N, C-alpha and C. Protein backbone atom coordinates (compact mmCIF):
# COMPACT_ATOMS: atom_id res chain seq x y z
N MET A 1 -5.22 0.73 26.03
CA MET A 1 -3.79 1.67 25.67
C MET A 1 -4.27 2.35 24.64
N GLY A 2 -4.19 3.63 24.23
CA GLY A 2 -4.48 4.19 22.80
C GLY A 2 -3.06 4.38 21.98
N TRP A 3 -3.35 4.41 20.74
CA TRP A 3 -2.22 4.27 20.11
C TRP A 3 -1.30 5.20 20.11
N LYS A 4 -1.49 6.46 20.41
CA LYS A 4 -0.64 7.71 20.81
C LYS A 4 0.37 7.19 21.59
N THR A 5 0.21 6.09 22.69
CA THR A 5 0.92 5.66 23.53
C THR A 5 2.10 4.52 23.31
N LEU A 6 1.67 3.90 22.00
CA LEU A 6 2.27 2.57 21.70
C LEU A 6 3.79 3.14 21.10
N GLY A 7 4.54 2.06 21.05
CA GLY A 7 5.83 2.17 20.35
C GLY A 7 5.42 1.77 18.82
N GLU A 8 6.73 1.73 18.33
CA GLU A 8 6.55 1.28 16.85
C GLU A 8 6.58 -0.40 16.80
N GLY A 9 5.73 -0.77 15.50
CA GLY A 9 5.40 -1.89 15.51
C GLY A 9 4.15 -2.06 14.86
N TRP A 10 3.11 -3.15 14.89
CA TRP A 10 1.79 -3.20 14.75
C TRP A 10 0.70 -4.02 15.45
N GLU A 11 -0.35 -3.77 15.16
CA GLU A 11 -1.34 -4.44 16.07
C GLU A 11 -2.52 -4.95 15.19
N CYS A 12 -2.71 -6.45 15.45
CA CYS A 12 -3.85 -6.94 14.98
C CYS A 12 -5.05 -6.61 15.47
N ARG A 13 -5.95 -5.72 14.86
CA ARG A 13 -7.20 -5.35 15.53
C ARG A 13 -8.16 -6.13 14.67
N PRO A 14 -9.67 -5.96 15.20
CA PRO A 14 -10.77 -6.71 14.39
C PRO A 14 -10.81 -5.99 13.26
N ASP A 15 -10.63 -4.88 13.02
CA ASP A 15 -10.97 -4.12 11.73
C ASP A 15 -9.50 -4.19 10.93
N GLY A 16 -8.43 -4.90 11.26
CA GLY A 16 -7.44 -5.10 10.17
C GLY A 16 -6.12 -4.65 10.89
N HIS A 17 -5.11 -4.35 10.34
CA HIS A 17 -3.67 -4.20 11.02
C HIS A 17 -3.37 -2.81 11.27
N TRP A 18 -3.11 -2.26 12.08
CA TRP A 18 -2.49 -0.91 12.71
C TRP A 18 -1.30 -1.04 12.58
N VAL A 19 -0.43 -0.07 12.01
CA VAL A 19 1.08 0.13 12.02
C VAL A 19 1.39 1.33 12.56
N HIS A 20 2.54 1.17 13.32
CA HIS A 20 3.02 2.52 13.94
C HIS A 20 4.76 2.71 13.75
N THR A 21 4.80 3.64 13.36
CA THR A 21 6.26 4.18 13.18
C THR A 21 6.70 5.45 14.15
N GLY A 22 7.73 5.79 13.96
CA GLY A 22 8.05 7.08 14.79
C GLY A 22 7.37 8.20 14.88
N ARG A 23 6.62 8.35 13.64
CA ARG A 23 5.89 9.69 13.23
C ARG A 23 4.80 9.42 12.88
N LEU A 24 4.23 8.63 12.52
CA LEU A 24 3.08 8.03 11.60
C LEU A 24 2.45 6.97 12.24
N LEU A 25 1.06 6.83 11.87
CA LEU A 25 0.25 5.99 12.05
C LEU A 25 -0.50 5.49 10.62
N LEU A 26 -0.54 4.34 10.25
CA LEU A 26 -1.12 3.66 9.32
C LEU A 26 -2.26 2.99 9.75
N ARG A 27 -3.45 3.05 9.55
CA ARG A 27 -4.54 2.49 10.11
C ARG A 27 -5.47 2.04 8.85
N PRO A 28 -6.39 1.11 9.03
CA PRO A 28 -7.38 0.33 7.72
C PRO A 28 -7.99 1.74 7.39
N LEU A 29 -8.12 1.87 6.15
CA LEU A 29 -8.74 3.00 5.29
C LEU A 29 -10.53 2.50 5.42
N THR A 30 -11.28 3.69 6.10
CA THR A 30 -12.71 3.61 5.67
C THR A 30 -13.50 4.33 5.21
N ALA A 31 -14.63 4.10 4.86
CA ALA A 31 -15.52 5.17 4.20
C ALA A 31 -15.61 6.79 4.83
N LYS A 32 -15.15 6.55 6.19
CA LYS A 32 -14.97 8.17 6.91
C LYS A 32 -13.79 8.77 6.32
N ASP A 33 -12.83 8.18 5.66
CA ASP A 33 -11.65 9.11 5.01
C ASP A 33 -11.90 9.54 3.83
N VAL A 34 -13.19 8.91 3.14
CA VAL A 34 -13.51 9.63 1.61
C VAL A 34 -13.37 10.97 1.38
N ASP A 35 -13.76 12.05 2.37
CA ASP A 35 -13.55 13.39 2.15
C ASP A 35 -12.31 14.14 2.38
N ALA A 36 -11.55 13.18 3.23
CA ALA A 36 -10.29 13.76 3.24
C ALA A 36 -9.21 13.47 2.03
N LEU A 37 -9.32 12.23 1.47
CA LEU A 37 -8.37 11.55 0.61
C LEU A 37 -8.09 12.35 -0.58
N PRO A 38 -9.36 13.24 -1.10
CA PRO A 38 -9.17 13.91 -2.36
C PRO A 38 -7.90 14.85 -2.21
N ALA A 39 -7.57 15.51 -1.00
CA ALA A 39 -6.56 16.25 -1.03
C ALA A 39 -5.19 15.77 -1.03
N VAL A 40 -5.14 14.42 -1.24
CA VAL A 40 -3.79 13.83 -1.44
C VAL A 40 -3.74 13.97 -2.93
N PHE A 41 -4.40 13.92 -3.40
CA PHE A 41 -4.17 13.86 -5.16
C PHE A 41 -4.29 15.09 -5.72
N ASP A 42 -2.80 15.90 -5.54
CA ASP A 42 -2.68 17.19 -6.11
C ASP A 42 -2.25 16.87 -7.52
N GLU A 43 -1.70 17.99 -8.01
CA GLU A 43 -1.12 18.12 -9.29
C GLU A 43 0.15 17.05 -9.84
N GLU A 44 0.76 16.99 -8.69
CA GLU A 44 1.90 15.73 -8.78
C GLU A 44 1.84 14.69 -8.98
N VAL A 45 0.58 14.12 -8.17
CA VAL A 45 0.21 12.77 -8.02
C VAL A 45 -0.22 12.60 -9.46
N VAL A 46 -1.09 13.76 -9.77
CA VAL A 46 -2.01 13.30 -11.17
C VAL A 46 -1.09 13.37 -12.23
N ARG A 47 0.15 14.07 -12.21
CA ARG A 47 0.98 13.97 -13.38
C ARG A 47 1.78 12.79 -13.50
N TRP A 48 2.17 12.15 -12.36
CA TRP A 48 2.80 10.74 -12.46
C TRP A 48 1.66 9.41 -12.17
N GLN A 49 0.46 9.76 -11.90
CA GLN A 49 -0.56 8.59 -11.64
C GLN A 49 -1.60 8.70 -12.52
N GLY A 50 -1.93 9.73 -13.22
CA GLY A 50 -3.00 10.10 -14.07
C GLY A 50 -4.18 10.04 -13.31
N TYR A 51 -4.27 10.37 -12.29
CA TYR A 51 -5.98 10.54 -11.81
C TYR A 51 -6.38 11.67 -12.43
N CYS A 52 -7.82 11.79 -12.45
CA CYS A 52 -8.58 12.75 -12.44
C CYS A 52 -8.60 13.81 -11.30
N ARG A 53 -8.72 14.99 -11.53
CA ARG A 53 -8.74 15.83 -10.21
C ARG A 53 -10.26 16.45 -9.93
N GLU A 54 -10.93 15.99 -11.01
CA GLU A 54 -12.10 16.33 -10.64
C GLU A 54 -12.86 15.97 -9.34
N PRO A 55 -13.32 16.41 -8.33
CA PRO A 55 -13.62 16.43 -6.97
C PRO A 55 -14.43 15.19 -6.98
N VAL A 56 -15.82 15.02 -7.58
CA VAL A 56 -16.59 14.10 -7.57
C VAL A 56 -15.79 12.66 -8.06
N ALA A 57 -15.22 12.86 -9.29
CA ALA A 57 -14.36 11.53 -9.46
C ALA A 57 -13.29 11.11 -8.17
N LEU A 58 -12.87 12.09 -7.78
CA LEU A 58 -11.60 11.55 -6.40
C LEU A 58 -12.51 10.94 -5.63
N ARG A 59 -13.69 11.55 -5.35
CA ARG A 59 -14.42 11.24 -3.96
C ARG A 59 -14.89 9.83 -4.20
N GLU A 60 -15.59 9.67 -5.41
CA GLU A 60 -15.66 8.07 -5.77
C GLU A 60 -14.89 7.03 -5.99
N MET A 61 -13.38 7.41 -6.39
CA MET A 61 -12.38 6.48 -6.38
C MET A 61 -11.95 6.26 -5.14
N ALA A 62 -11.91 7.66 -4.07
CA ALA A 62 -11.67 7.16 -2.49
C ALA A 62 -12.66 6.22 -2.34
N TYR A 63 -14.06 6.32 -2.30
CA TYR A 63 -15.27 5.31 -1.76
C TYR A 63 -15.02 3.84 -2.61
N ARG A 64 -14.38 3.75 -3.34
CA ARG A 64 -14.43 2.57 -4.05
C ARG A 64 -12.94 1.69 -3.38
N TRP A 65 -12.05 2.51 -2.94
CA TRP A 65 -10.99 2.24 -2.15
C TRP A 65 -11.25 1.58 -0.94
N ALA A 66 -11.84 2.48 -0.23
CA ALA A 66 -12.72 2.23 1.23
C ALA A 66 -13.68 1.10 1.22
N GLN A 67 -14.33 0.73 0.21
CA GLN A 67 -15.22 -0.48 0.37
C GLN A 67 -14.44 -1.65 -0.22
N ALA A 68 -13.45 -1.63 -0.73
CA ALA A 68 -12.62 -2.68 -1.25
C ALA A 68 -11.35 -3.17 -0.19
N ALA A 69 -11.37 -2.36 1.03
CA ALA A 69 -10.03 -2.42 1.80
C ALA A 69 -10.21 -3.85 2.56
N GLY A 70 -9.35 -4.79 2.50
CA GLY A 70 -9.49 -6.18 3.36
C GLY A 70 -10.29 -6.90 2.63
N ARG A 71 -10.87 -6.90 1.60
CA ARG A 71 -11.80 -7.74 0.94
C ARG A 71 -11.17 -8.28 -0.49
N PRO A 72 -11.86 -9.70 -0.75
CA PRO A 72 -11.36 -10.27 -1.99
C PRO A 72 -11.68 -9.69 -3.13
N GLN A 73 -11.16 -9.62 -3.94
CA GLN A 73 -11.73 -8.93 -5.41
C GLN A 73 -11.81 -9.92 -6.50
N PRO A 74 -12.64 -9.23 -7.69
CA PRO A 74 -12.98 -10.34 -8.48
C PRO A 74 -11.75 -10.79 -9.31
N GLN A 75 -10.74 -10.11 -9.16
CA GLN A 75 -9.58 -10.65 -9.96
C GLN A 75 -8.85 -11.97 -9.13
N GLY A 76 -9.22 -12.37 -8.17
CA GLY A 76 -8.34 -13.09 -7.27
C GLY A 76 -7.54 -12.70 -6.59
N GLN A 77 -7.53 -11.45 -6.33
CA GLN A 77 -6.85 -10.55 -5.33
C GLN A 77 -7.39 -10.29 -3.87
N LEU A 78 -6.49 -9.77 -3.12
CA LEU A 78 -6.79 -9.22 -1.82
C LEU A 78 -6.27 -7.88 -1.66
N ARG A 79 -6.66 -6.81 -1.08
CA ARG A 79 -6.68 -5.47 -0.83
C ARG A 79 -6.32 -5.09 0.36
N TYR A 80 -5.11 -4.44 0.67
CA TYR A 80 -5.02 -3.77 1.98
C TYR A 80 -4.65 -2.48 1.60
N ASP A 81 -5.54 -1.58 2.52
CA ASP A 81 -5.53 -0.03 2.08
C ASP A 81 -5.44 0.44 3.37
N TRP A 82 -4.29 1.51 3.49
CA TRP A 82 -4.23 1.94 4.96
C TRP A 82 -4.32 3.56 4.76
N ALA A 83 -4.99 4.28 5.65
CA ALA A 83 -4.88 5.89 5.63
C ALA A 83 -3.57 6.35 6.62
N ILE A 84 -2.61 7.06 5.63
CA ILE A 84 -1.34 7.29 6.28
C ILE A 84 -1.77 8.57 7.47
N CYS A 85 -1.40 8.59 8.82
CA CYS A 85 -1.97 9.58 9.63
C CYS A 85 -0.70 10.06 10.45
N ASP A 86 -0.55 11.40 10.66
CA ASP A 86 0.44 11.92 11.38
C ASP A 86 0.14 11.44 12.67
N ARG A 87 1.03 10.84 13.65
CA ARG A 87 0.85 10.00 14.83
C ARG A 87 0.76 11.14 15.84
N GLY A 88 0.86 12.18 15.70
CA GLY A 88 0.42 13.45 16.75
C GLY A 88 -1.11 13.85 16.71
N SER A 89 -1.23 14.29 15.64
CA SER A 89 -2.67 14.62 15.52
C SER A 89 -3.62 13.88 14.89
N GLY A 90 -3.37 12.69 14.23
CA GLY A 90 -4.39 12.00 13.60
C GLY A 90 -4.64 12.37 12.38
N GLU A 91 -4.13 13.50 11.69
CA GLU A 91 -4.40 14.45 10.28
C GLU A 91 -4.15 13.09 9.31
N LEU A 92 -4.90 12.78 8.14
CA LEU A 92 -4.80 12.13 7.24
C LEU A 92 -3.92 12.75 6.47
N VAL A 93 -2.64 12.22 6.20
CA VAL A 93 -1.71 12.92 5.37
C VAL A 93 -1.21 11.77 3.92
N GLY A 94 -1.88 10.49 3.72
CA GLY A 94 -1.57 10.15 2.69
C GLY A 94 -2.38 8.56 2.69
N ALA A 95 -2.08 7.77 2.05
CA ALA A 95 -2.68 6.56 1.49
C ALA A 95 -1.56 5.54 0.89
N ARG A 96 -2.07 4.25 1.46
CA ARG A 96 -0.90 3.31 1.35
C ARG A 96 -1.72 1.85 0.70
N SER A 97 -1.53 1.36 -0.51
CA SER A 97 -2.19 0.20 -0.82
C SER A 97 -1.42 -0.80 -1.25
N MET A 98 -1.80 -2.12 -1.08
CA MET A 98 -1.28 -3.43 -1.05
C MET A 98 -2.21 -4.38 -1.81
N VAL A 99 -1.71 -4.97 -2.92
CA VAL A 99 -2.80 -5.65 -3.46
C VAL A 99 -2.16 -7.09 -3.50
N VAL A 100 -2.39 -7.90 -3.15
CA VAL A 100 -1.93 -9.49 -3.03
C VAL A 100 -2.40 -10.36 -4.02
N TYR A 101 -1.54 -10.91 -4.62
CA TYR A 101 -1.94 -12.15 -5.37
C TYR A 101 -1.17 -13.33 -5.49
N ARG A 102 -1.73 -14.45 -5.97
CA ARG A 102 -0.64 -15.62 -6.37
C ARG A 102 0.23 -15.54 -7.40
N SER A 103 1.25 -15.49 -7.12
CA SER A 103 2.65 -15.55 -8.08
C SER A 103 3.03 -17.17 -8.71
N LYS A 104 3.32 -17.36 -9.62
CA LYS A 104 3.59 -18.79 -10.07
C LYS A 104 4.96 -18.96 -9.40
N ARG A 105 5.84 -17.70 -9.48
CA ARG A 105 7.50 -18.17 -9.19
C ARG A 105 7.43 -17.74 -7.57
N HIS A 106 6.92 -17.06 -7.06
CA HIS A 106 7.24 -16.54 -5.72
C HIS A 106 5.93 -16.88 -4.79
N GLY A 107 4.77 -17.53 -5.05
CA GLY A 107 3.79 -17.83 -4.19
C GLY A 107 3.06 -16.58 -4.00
N LEU A 108 2.90 -16.27 -2.80
CA LEU A 108 1.91 -15.09 -2.62
C LEU A 108 2.85 -14.01 -2.76
N ALA A 109 2.81 -13.05 -3.44
CA ALA A 109 3.53 -11.46 -4.03
C ALA A 109 2.28 -10.44 -3.77
N TYR A 110 2.82 -9.17 -3.79
CA TYR A 110 2.06 -8.02 -3.81
C TYR A 110 2.54 -6.95 -4.49
N ASP A 111 1.73 -5.90 -4.96
CA ASP A 111 2.17 -4.95 -5.61
C ASP A 111 1.70 -3.55 -4.61
N THR A 112 2.53 -2.81 -4.43
CA THR A 112 2.21 -1.85 -3.54
C THR A 112 2.53 -0.15 -3.91
N GLY A 113 1.87 0.76 -3.71
CA GLY A 113 2.31 1.89 -3.96
C GLY A 113 1.38 3.11 -2.87
N SER A 114 2.01 4.14 -2.59
CA SER A 114 1.28 4.87 -1.85
C SER A 114 1.63 6.37 -2.37
N ASN A 115 0.67 7.54 -1.87
CA ASN A 115 0.96 8.97 -2.11
C ASN A 115 0.55 9.82 -0.65
N LEU A 116 1.50 10.78 -0.58
CA LEU A 116 1.62 11.77 0.63
C LEU A 116 1.14 13.12 0.06
N LYS A 117 0.39 13.92 0.82
CA LYS A 117 -0.04 15.13 0.84
C LYS A 117 1.36 16.21 0.38
N ALA A 118 0.74 17.36 -0.32
CA ALA A 118 2.08 18.26 -0.47
C ALA A 118 2.43 18.44 0.98
N GLY A 119 3.77 19.00 1.21
CA GLY A 119 4.19 19.46 2.37
C GLY A 119 4.81 18.21 3.12
N TRP A 120 4.16 17.33 3.01
CA TRP A 120 4.88 15.73 3.49
C TRP A 120 5.78 14.72 2.74
N ARG A 121 6.00 15.41 1.63
CA ARG A 121 7.14 14.85 0.89
C ARG A 121 8.73 15.31 0.99
N ASP A 122 9.33 14.60 0.81
CA ASP A 122 10.97 14.85 0.90
C ASP A 122 11.45 15.34 2.28
N LYS A 123 10.69 14.50 3.14
CA LYS A 123 10.98 14.69 4.62
C LYS A 123 11.04 13.06 5.30
N GLY A 124 11.24 12.06 4.47
CA GLY A 124 11.53 10.86 4.90
C GLY A 124 10.33 10.13 5.52
N TYR A 125 9.37 10.72 5.35
CA TYR A 125 7.88 10.04 5.51
C TYR A 125 7.71 8.99 4.81
N GLY A 126 7.85 9.09 3.24
CA GLY A 126 7.62 7.89 2.52
C GLY A 126 8.57 6.53 2.61
N ALA A 127 9.79 6.53 3.15
CA ALA A 127 10.51 5.56 3.40
C ALA A 127 10.11 4.95 4.67
N GLU A 128 9.88 5.95 5.52
CA GLU A 128 9.54 5.44 7.05
C GLU A 128 8.08 4.61 7.05
N GLU A 129 6.89 4.86 6.29
CA GLU A 129 5.78 4.07 6.31
C GLU A 129 6.23 2.97 5.24
N LEU A 130 6.81 3.05 4.47
CA LEU A 130 7.04 1.93 3.53
C LEU A 130 7.97 0.81 4.12
N ARG A 131 9.06 1.18 4.83
CA ARG A 131 9.56 0.35 5.65
C ARG A 131 8.77 -0.74 6.60
N ALA A 132 7.85 0.21 7.55
CA ALA A 132 7.09 -0.62 8.26
C ALA A 132 6.17 -1.39 7.36
N VAL A 133 5.60 -1.13 6.57
CA VAL A 133 4.68 -1.93 5.56
C VAL A 133 5.57 -3.45 5.26
N LEU A 134 6.66 -3.16 4.55
CA LEU A 134 7.73 -4.30 4.30
C LEU A 134 7.95 -5.17 5.49
N GLN A 135 8.29 -4.65 6.72
CA GLN A 135 8.65 -5.59 7.68
C GLN A 135 7.12 -6.29 8.31
N LEU A 136 5.67 -5.66 8.21
CA LEU A 136 4.68 -6.03 8.55
C LEU A 136 4.39 -7.44 7.45
N SER A 137 4.46 -7.02 6.13
CA SER A 137 3.73 -8.28 5.29
C SER A 137 5.18 -9.28 5.33
N GLN A 138 6.26 -9.18 5.45
CA GLN A 138 7.33 -9.90 5.42
C GLN A 138 7.58 -10.88 6.73
N VAL A 139 7.27 -9.94 7.70
CA VAL A 139 7.45 -10.76 9.23
C VAL A 139 6.46 -11.28 9.69
N HIS A 140 5.16 -10.73 9.54
CA HIS A 140 4.27 -10.80 10.12
C HIS A 140 2.94 -11.69 9.50
N LEU A 141 2.85 -11.02 8.16
CA LEU A 141 1.48 -11.40 7.14
C LEU A 141 2.46 -12.83 6.40
N GLY A 142 3.44 -12.76 6.10
CA GLY A 142 4.25 -13.59 5.31
C GLY A 142 4.17 -13.71 3.93
N TYR A 143 4.37 -12.14 3.47
CA TYR A 143 4.32 -12.10 2.13
C TYR A 143 5.87 -11.53 1.83
N GLY A 144 6.28 -12.31 1.11
CA GLY A 144 7.96 -12.13 1.02
C GLY A 144 8.50 -11.07 -0.25
N THR A 145 7.53 -11.13 -1.15
CA THR A 145 8.10 -10.62 -2.41
C THR A 145 7.34 -9.42 -2.90
N ALA A 146 7.66 -8.18 -3.23
CA ALA A 146 7.01 -7.06 -3.16
C ALA A 146 7.42 -6.35 -4.28
N TYR A 147 6.31 -5.77 -5.18
CA TYR A 147 6.76 -5.17 -6.42
C TYR A 147 6.13 -3.82 -6.44
N ALA A 148 6.59 -2.78 -7.05
CA ALA A 148 6.22 -1.45 -7.09
C ALA A 148 6.70 -1.10 -8.79
N GLY A 149 5.63 -0.24 -9.52
CA GLY A 149 5.78 0.32 -10.74
C GLY A 149 5.90 1.85 -10.72
N THR A 150 6.20 2.74 -11.33
CA THR A 150 6.53 3.79 -11.41
C THR A 150 6.96 4.33 -13.05
N ASP A 151 6.66 5.63 -13.21
CA ASP A 151 7.24 6.18 -14.58
C ASP A 151 8.77 6.20 -14.39
N PRO A 152 9.38 6.01 -15.28
CA PRO A 152 10.98 6.26 -15.11
C PRO A 152 11.12 7.45 -14.70
N ALA A 153 10.68 8.55 -14.95
CA ALA A 153 11.18 9.95 -14.78
C ALA A 153 10.59 10.47 -13.48
N ASN A 154 9.80 9.68 -12.51
CA ASN A 154 9.59 9.97 -11.23
C ASN A 154 10.51 9.55 -10.41
N HIS A 155 11.92 10.41 -10.40
CA HIS A 155 13.04 10.15 -9.67
C HIS A 155 12.79 10.06 -8.23
N ARG A 156 11.87 10.84 -7.59
CA ARG A 156 11.49 10.73 -6.18
C ARG A 156 11.36 9.42 -5.89
N ALA A 157 10.02 8.76 -6.52
CA ALA A 157 9.69 7.53 -6.11
C ALA A 157 10.48 6.48 -6.17
N ILE A 158 11.48 6.59 -7.19
CA ILE A 158 12.28 5.53 -7.44
C ILE A 158 13.47 5.68 -6.29
N HIS A 159 13.70 6.64 -5.69
CA HIS A 159 14.74 7.15 -4.64
C HIS A 159 14.14 6.42 -3.31
N VAL A 160 12.71 6.59 -3.41
CA VAL A 160 12.37 6.09 -1.94
C VAL A 160 12.62 4.48 -1.99
N TYR A 161 11.98 4.14 -3.01
CA TYR A 161 11.90 2.45 -3.06
C TYR A 161 13.16 2.17 -3.04
N GLU A 162 14.60 2.58 -3.73
CA GLU A 162 15.82 1.98 -3.03
C GLU A 162 16.34 2.49 -2.08
N LYS A 163 15.77 3.44 -1.53
CA LYS A 163 16.34 3.61 0.33
C LYS A 163 15.72 2.24 0.85
N CYS A 164 14.64 1.81 0.31
CA CYS A 164 13.95 0.71 1.15
C CYS A 164 14.21 -0.55 0.65
N GLY A 165 15.46 -0.63 -0.34
CA GLY A 165 15.94 -2.13 -0.69
C GLY A 165 15.39 -2.63 -1.80
N PHE A 166 14.36 -1.76 -2.57
CA PHE A 166 13.95 -2.05 -3.83
C PHE A 166 14.85 -1.98 -4.96
N ARG A 167 15.01 -3.05 -6.00
CA ARG A 167 15.72 -3.04 -7.17
C ARG A 167 15.31 -3.07 -8.18
N VAL A 168 15.50 -2.48 -9.67
CA VAL A 168 15.07 -2.67 -10.89
C VAL A 168 14.69 -3.89 -11.24
N TYR A 169 13.52 -4.47 -11.49
CA TYR A 169 13.33 -5.78 -11.89
C TYR A 169 13.02 -5.82 -13.45
N GLY A 170 12.22 -4.82 -13.95
CA GLY A 170 12.37 -4.69 -15.26
C GLY A 170 11.30 -3.61 -15.84
N LYS A 171 10.78 -3.74 -17.12
CA LYS A 171 9.92 -2.80 -17.43
C LYS A 171 8.73 -3.33 -17.90
N ARG A 172 7.78 -2.61 -17.78
CA ARG A 172 6.18 -2.83 -18.02
C ARG A 172 5.57 -1.99 -19.06
N PRO A 173 5.85 -2.42 -20.12
CA PRO A 173 5.29 -1.56 -21.46
C PRO A 173 3.76 -1.59 -21.11
N GLY A 174 3.28 -0.63 -21.95
CA GLY A 174 1.99 -0.67 -22.10
C GLY A 174 0.98 -0.28 -21.01
N TRP A 175 1.61 0.15 -19.71
CA TRP A 175 1.05 0.28 -18.26
C TRP A 175 0.03 1.62 -18.44
N VAL A 176 -1.21 1.28 -18.52
CA VAL A 176 -2.30 2.19 -18.69
C VAL A 176 -2.75 2.94 -17.16
N LEU A 177 -2.66 4.17 -17.25
CA LEU A 177 -2.99 5.16 -16.32
C LEU A 177 -4.32 5.26 -16.07
N PRO A 178 -4.90 5.68 -15.17
CA PRO A 178 -6.35 5.88 -15.14
C PRO A 178 -7.27 6.77 -15.79
N ASN A 179 -6.41 7.96 -16.40
CA ASN A 179 -6.57 8.77 -17.43
C ASN A 179 -6.48 8.12 -19.02
N GLY A 180 -5.90 7.00 -19.21
CA GLY A 180 -5.84 6.27 -20.52
C GLY A 180 -4.34 6.51 -21.01
N THR A 181 -3.46 7.24 -20.46
CA THR A 181 -2.40 7.41 -20.73
C THR A 181 -1.37 6.04 -20.80
N ASN A 182 -0.83 5.84 -21.80
CA ASN A 182 0.22 4.57 -21.76
C ASN A 182 1.67 4.87 -21.29
N VAL A 183 2.38 4.34 -20.51
CA VAL A 183 3.56 4.42 -20.18
C VAL A 183 4.19 3.38 -20.30
N GLU A 184 5.99 3.18 -20.34
CA GLU A 184 6.46 2.14 -19.90
C GLU A 184 7.03 2.29 -18.57
N ALA A 185 6.39 1.53 -17.64
CA ALA A 185 6.86 1.68 -16.26
C ALA A 185 8.00 0.75 -15.84
N VAL A 186 8.81 1.52 -14.79
CA VAL A 186 10.03 0.68 -14.32
C VAL A 186 9.12 -0.08 -13.34
N VAL A 187 9.43 -1.37 -13.06
CA VAL A 187 9.25 -2.31 -12.25
C VAL A 187 10.05 -2.56 -11.16
N MET A 188 9.78 -2.04 -9.92
CA MET A 188 10.97 -2.54 -8.88
C MET A 188 10.47 -3.71 -8.04
N ARG A 189 11.45 -4.45 -7.45
CA ARG A 189 11.03 -5.60 -6.81
C ARG A 189 11.78 -5.30 -5.23
N HIS A 190 11.41 -5.98 -4.21
CA HIS A 190 12.02 -6.39 -3.07
C HIS A 190 11.69 -7.64 -2.60
N ARG A 191 12.60 -8.40 -2.41
CA ARG A 191 12.33 -9.58 -2.04
C ARG A 191 13.13 -10.29 -0.78
N GLN A 192 12.64 -10.78 0.20
CA GLN A 192 13.09 -11.14 1.48
C GLN A 192 12.32 -12.27 1.97
N PRO A 193 13.10 -13.59 2.56
CA PRO A 193 12.24 -14.45 3.31
C PRO A 193 11.23 -14.25 4.17
N ALA A 194 10.09 -14.64 4.11
CA ALA A 194 9.14 -14.36 4.65
C ALA A 194 8.45 -15.42 5.77
N HIS A 195 8.14 -15.26 6.66
CA HIS A 195 7.30 -15.94 7.36
C HIS A 195 6.04 -15.33 8.18
N ARG A 196 4.99 -16.03 8.82
CA ARG A 196 3.98 -15.32 9.33
C ARG A 196 3.87 -15.54 10.85
N SER A 197 3.55 -14.68 11.72
CA SER A 197 3.30 -14.86 12.78
C SER A 197 1.95 -14.27 13.20
N CYS A 198 0.93 -13.85 12.24
CA CYS A 198 -0.20 -13.42 12.50
C CYS A 198 -1.19 -14.38 12.48
N ARG A 199 -1.88 -14.81 13.83
CA ARG A 199 -2.99 -15.79 13.84
C ARG A 199 -4.09 -15.61 13.41
N THR A 200 -4.56 -13.62 13.18
CA THR A 200 -5.54 -13.67 12.61
C THR A 200 -5.17 -14.05 10.97
N ALA A 201 -4.34 -13.73 10.28
CA ALA A 201 -4.31 -14.30 8.70
C ALA A 201 -4.37 -15.43 8.74
N LEU A 202 -4.14 -16.43 9.23
CA LEU A 202 -4.10 -18.00 9.22
C LEU A 202 -5.86 -18.02 9.14
N ARG A 203 -6.29 -17.46 9.66
CA ARG A 203 -7.94 -17.79 9.76
C ARG A 203 -8.97 -17.16 8.62
N GLU A 204 -8.07 -15.92 8.00
CA GLU A 204 -8.80 -15.23 6.93
C GLU A 204 -9.40 -16.29 6.05
N PRO A 205 -10.78 -16.09 6.01
CA PRO A 205 -11.47 -17.12 5.28
C PRO A 205 -11.38 -16.88 3.74
N TRP A 206 -10.91 -15.48 3.31
CA TRP A 206 -10.57 -15.40 1.94
C TRP A 206 -9.52 -16.26 1.38
N LEU A 207 -8.68 -16.71 2.17
CA LEU A 207 -7.79 -17.68 1.46
C LEU A 207 -8.29 -19.00 0.91
N ARG A 208 -9.39 -19.47 1.74
CA ARG A 208 -10.01 -20.44 1.18
C ARG A 208 -10.91 -20.02 0.24
N VAL A 209 -11.44 -19.10 -0.07
CA VAL A 209 -12.40 -18.86 -1.01
C VAL A 209 -11.53 -18.64 -2.58
N LEU A 210 -10.44 -18.16 -2.37
CA LEU A 210 -9.49 -17.75 -3.46
C LEU A 210 -8.65 -19.09 -3.88
N GLY A 211 -8.88 -20.16 -2.92
CA GLY A 211 -8.17 -21.27 -3.44
C GLY A 211 -6.69 -21.57 -3.00
N PHE A 212 -6.50 -20.56 -1.88
CA PHE A 212 -4.78 -20.49 -1.48
C PHE A 212 -4.95 -21.85 -0.50
N ARG A 213 -3.51 -22.05 -0.44
CA ARG A 213 -3.31 -23.39 0.68
C ARG A 213 -2.38 -23.14 1.50
N ALA A 214 -1.95 -23.45 2.57
CA ALA A 214 -1.36 -23.37 3.63
C ALA A 214 0.00 -23.09 3.13
N ARG A 215 0.68 -23.82 2.15
CA ARG A 215 2.22 -23.86 1.96
C ARG A 215 2.33 -22.69 0.94
N ASP A 216 1.27 -22.03 0.17
CA ASP A 216 1.44 -20.64 -0.83
C ASP A 216 1.75 -19.66 0.03
N ARG A 217 1.66 -19.58 1.59
CA ARG A 217 1.98 -18.39 2.41
C ARG A 217 3.40 -18.53 2.96
């Protein structure tokens, strides 16, 4: 069965988790997406997130993301990276990342963030895909605490987080953007009791590599 005929929810595939919403498909990011991703990083994204708009630099960043997706990181983290696509046409319209790490207070927690192309903002797509990722992580993968950081003046992002149940958790002074700019980010948190139903996640070898135990999940 092709993804166009599937209902909302998720699938565990050999290449990772595919997430389906009413209008969108989130599929694992791959090196084939490198040429399409730079279009997501327009002037507004650069303004709030400090990325360089130089095409070569954006392409190199996209390639690093694609290479890191689903793999352990040197800092003892695990990345999930999705290409956000229009469910009807398959067009890549954004990207979502999730970086999982061990929290002393909450077990496994994660930071998450996304970007959508111009023309796809302010139409409910951001909240739609974020709610789906929250459900996947908390009901299926077993990650119950999500964090997101943004500039306090980025009211659009804060509004999306609040619509999805995030609340202000605190401030992160000295948050350094990729271009070297320092901002005092507002940190949003979403907490919900979590359990896992993903058999694939139970066997993921990176848990042993990073020293995770079953009770951490």
